[in-house]
Amino acid sequence: MPYPEYLITPMRQELTDVGFTELRTAADVDRAVAAKGTTMVVVNSVCGCAAGKARPGIARAMRHGTRPDQATTVFAGGDVEATDRARSYFTGYPPSSPAVALLRDGKLVYMMERHQIEGNTADGIAQALTAAFDKYCATPVA
């Protein structure tokens, strides 16, 4: 059963306010992942580590000079179908929320799971993500 929308709206806005696009359906996820370039998919959550660590760290990382071509989010417990579809692209990883995935041309290249978020700080999450952005999102030189 999904969480009530009034409860998760402010949590959604923490990411949309910094430029994320919400993916609410499986079709939305498929379109985003099919796009060329890099796509970040954040599996947002109501848990404390999402509020105190993940969302603030992600917001800090999005101020970095190198970023994914598109930043997207699904909400675990809110966008059930979209979350399930997003997780289907995270091959080799069990369902995790919160979580951050980077895909390049539809292929998973980086994954930050809940256990990496829980034992971290917002600054540590931002540093890990910006390192991943530098590695996977920089435009390749011809």
Protein backbone atom coordinates (compact mmCIF):
# COMPACT_ATOMS: atom_id res chain seq x y z
CA MET A 1 0.00 0.00 0.00
CA PRO A 2 1.50 3.34 -1.03
CA TYR A 3 2.19 6.09 1.48
CA PRO A 4 -0.32 8.97 1.50
CA GLU A 5 0.71 11.63 -0.98
CA TYR A 6 0.44 14.44 1.59
CA LEU A 7 3.13 12.67 3.62
CA ILE A 8 5.67 12.21 0.84
CA THR A 9 5.13 15.42 -1.15
CA PRO A 10 7.70 17.42 0.89
CA MET A 11 10.20 14.57 0.50
CA ARG A 12 9.64 14.53 -3.24
CA GLN A 13 10.15 18.29 -3.39
CA GLU A 14 13.57 18.09 -1.77
CA LEU A 15 14.77 16.49 -5.01
CA THR A 16 12.55 18.24 -7.55
CA ASP A 17 13.64 21.58 -6.08
CA VAL A 18 17.23 20.77 -7.13
CA GLY A 19 16.28 19.73 -10.67
CA PHE A 20 15.11 16.12 -10.47
CA THR A 21 12.34 14.79 -12.68
CA GLU A 22 9.89 12.45 -11.04
CA LEU A 23 9.24 9.13 -12.73
CA ARG A 24 5.78 7.97 -11.66
CA THR A 25 5.16 5.06 -14.03
CA ALA A 26 7.09 2.16 -15.51
CA ALA A 27 6.83 3.85 -18.92
CA ASP A 28 8.40 7.02 -17.47
CA VAL A 29 11.32 4.93 -16.18
CA ASP A 30 11.77 3.12 -19.50
CA ARG A 31 11.85 6.44 -21.41
CA ALA A 32 14.40 7.94 -19.03
CA VAL A 33 16.69 4.92 -19.10
CA ALA A 34 16.48 4.70 -22.92
CA ALA A 35 17.88 8.21 -23.30
CA LYS A 36 21.47 8.52 -24.50
CA GLY A 37 24.02 9.73 -21.99
CA THR A 38 23.96 9.45 -18.22
CA THR A 39 20.87 9.10 -16.10
CA MET A 40 20.84 9.20 -12.32
CA VAL A 41 17.91 7.42 -10.69
CA VAL A 42 17.37 8.11 -7.00
CA VAL A 43 15.12 5.71 -5.15
CA ASN A 44 13.73 8.15 -2.59
CA SER A 45 12.33 6.98 0.74
CA VAL A 46 10.60 8.10 3.94
CA CYS A 47 13.34 6.64 6.15
CA GLY A 48 15.53 8.74 8.38
CA CYS A 49 18.71 8.08 6.42
CA ALA A 50 17.02 9.46 3.29
CA ALA A 51 16.02 12.62 5.14
CA GLY A 52 19.20 13.25 7.09
CA LYS A 53 21.84 11.91 4.73
CA ALA A 54 20.76 10.89 1.24
CA ARG A 55 18.68 13.84 0.06
CA PRO A 56 21.02 16.49 1.53
CA GLY A 57 24.07 14.69 0.09
CA ILE A 58 22.45 14.31 -3.31
CA ALA A 59 21.50 18.00 -3.33
CA ARG A 60 25.12 18.94 -2.56
CA ALA A 61 26.41 16.64 -5.29
CA MET A 62 24.11 18.29 -7.83
CA ARG A 63 26.02 21.58 -7.37
CA HIS A 64 29.15 19.87 -8.78
CA GLY A 65 30.37 21.02 -12.19
CA THR A 66 30.02 17.55 -13.72
CA ARG A 67 26.55 16.04 -13.38
CA PRO A 68 24.44 13.38 -15.07
CA ASP A 69 22.64 14.38 -18.26
CA GLN A 70 19.39 13.73 -16.46
CA ALA A 71 18.51 13.42 -12.79
CA THR A 72 15.42 11.40 -12.03
CA THR A 73 13.69 9.95 -8.99
CA VAL A 74 11.15 7.34 -8.01
CA PHE A 75 9.61 7.12 -4.57
CA ALA A 76 9.67 3.73 -2.82
CA GLY A 77 6.29 3.25 -1.19
CA GLY A 78 4.76 5.93 -3.39
CA ASP A 79 5.51 5.16 -7.03
CA VAL A 80 5.38 1.40 -6.64
CA GLU A 81 5.27 0.47 -10.33
CA ALA A 82 7.99 2.98 -11.26
CA THR A 83 10.20 1.87 -8.36
CA ASP A 84 9.89 -1.78 -9.35
CA ARG A 85 10.77 -0.94 -12.95
CA ALA A 86 13.75 1.21 -11.94
CA ARG A 87 15.06 -1.59 -9.74
CA SER A 88 14.81 -3.99 -12.69
CA TYR A 89 17.63 -1.99 -14.30
CA PHE A 90 19.85 -2.29 -11.23
CA THR A 91 21.09 -5.75 -12.18
CA GLY A 92 23.02 -7.59 -9.53
CA TYR A 93 21.69 -5.46 -6.66
CA PRO A 94 18.86 -6.30 -4.26
CA PRO A 95 16.06 -3.76 -3.76
CA SER A 96 17.31 -0.90 -1.62
CA SER A 97 15.86 2.41 -0.54
CA PRO A 98 17.17 4.93 -0.49
CA ALA A 99 19.56 4.19 -3.31
CA VAL A 100 21.30 6.02 -6.14
CA ALA A 101 22.03 4.50 -9.52
CA LEU A 102 23.93 5.91 -12.47
CA LEU A 103 23.24 4.49 -15.89
CA ARG A 104 25.10 5.32 -19.07
CA ASP A 105 23.23 4.62 -22.28
CA GLY A 106 20.87 2.37 -20.30
CA LYS A 107 23.59 0.31 -18.60
CA LEU A 108 24.19 0.44 -14.86
CA VAL A 109 27.66 1.83 -14.13
CA TYR A 110 27.42 2.86 -10.46
CA MET A 111 25.24 1.97 -7.49
CA MET A 112 25.02 3.42 -4.00
CA GLU A 113 22.93 1.18 -1.77
CA ARG A 114 21.20 1.88 1.52
CA HIS A 115 24.02 0.35 3.59
CA GLN A 116 26.44 2.84 1.98
CA ILE A 117 24.09 5.69 2.91
CA GLU A 118 23.25 4.65 6.48
CA GLY A 119 26.87 4.53 7.60
CA ASN A 120 27.78 7.78 5.88
CA THR A 121 27.26 11.53 6.21
CA ALA A 122 25.62 13.91 3.76
CA ASP A 123 29.07 15.26 2.89
CA GLY A 124 30.43 11.73 2.42
CA ILE A 125 27.54 10.87 0.11
CA ALA A 126 28.12 14.06 -1.88
CA GLN A 127 31.83 13.24 -2.21
CA ALA A 128 31.12 9.68 -3.38
CA LEU A 129 28.56 10.90 -5.91
CA THR A 130 30.76 13.66 -7.29
CA ALA A 131 33.57 11.15 -7.75
CA ALA A 132 31.13 8.92 -9.65
CA PHE A 133 29.97 11.92 -11.71
CA ASP A 134 33.57 12.73 -12.62
CA LYS A 135 34.18 9.12 -13.62
CA TYR A 136 30.97 8.33 -15.50
CA CYS A 137 29.32 11.61 -16.51
CA ALA A 138 32.18 13.63 -17.97
CA THR A 139 31.86 14.01 -21.70
CA PRO A 140 34.37 11.67 -23.33
CA VAL A 141 37.07 13.42 -25.34
CA ALA A 142 37.22 12.28 -28.97
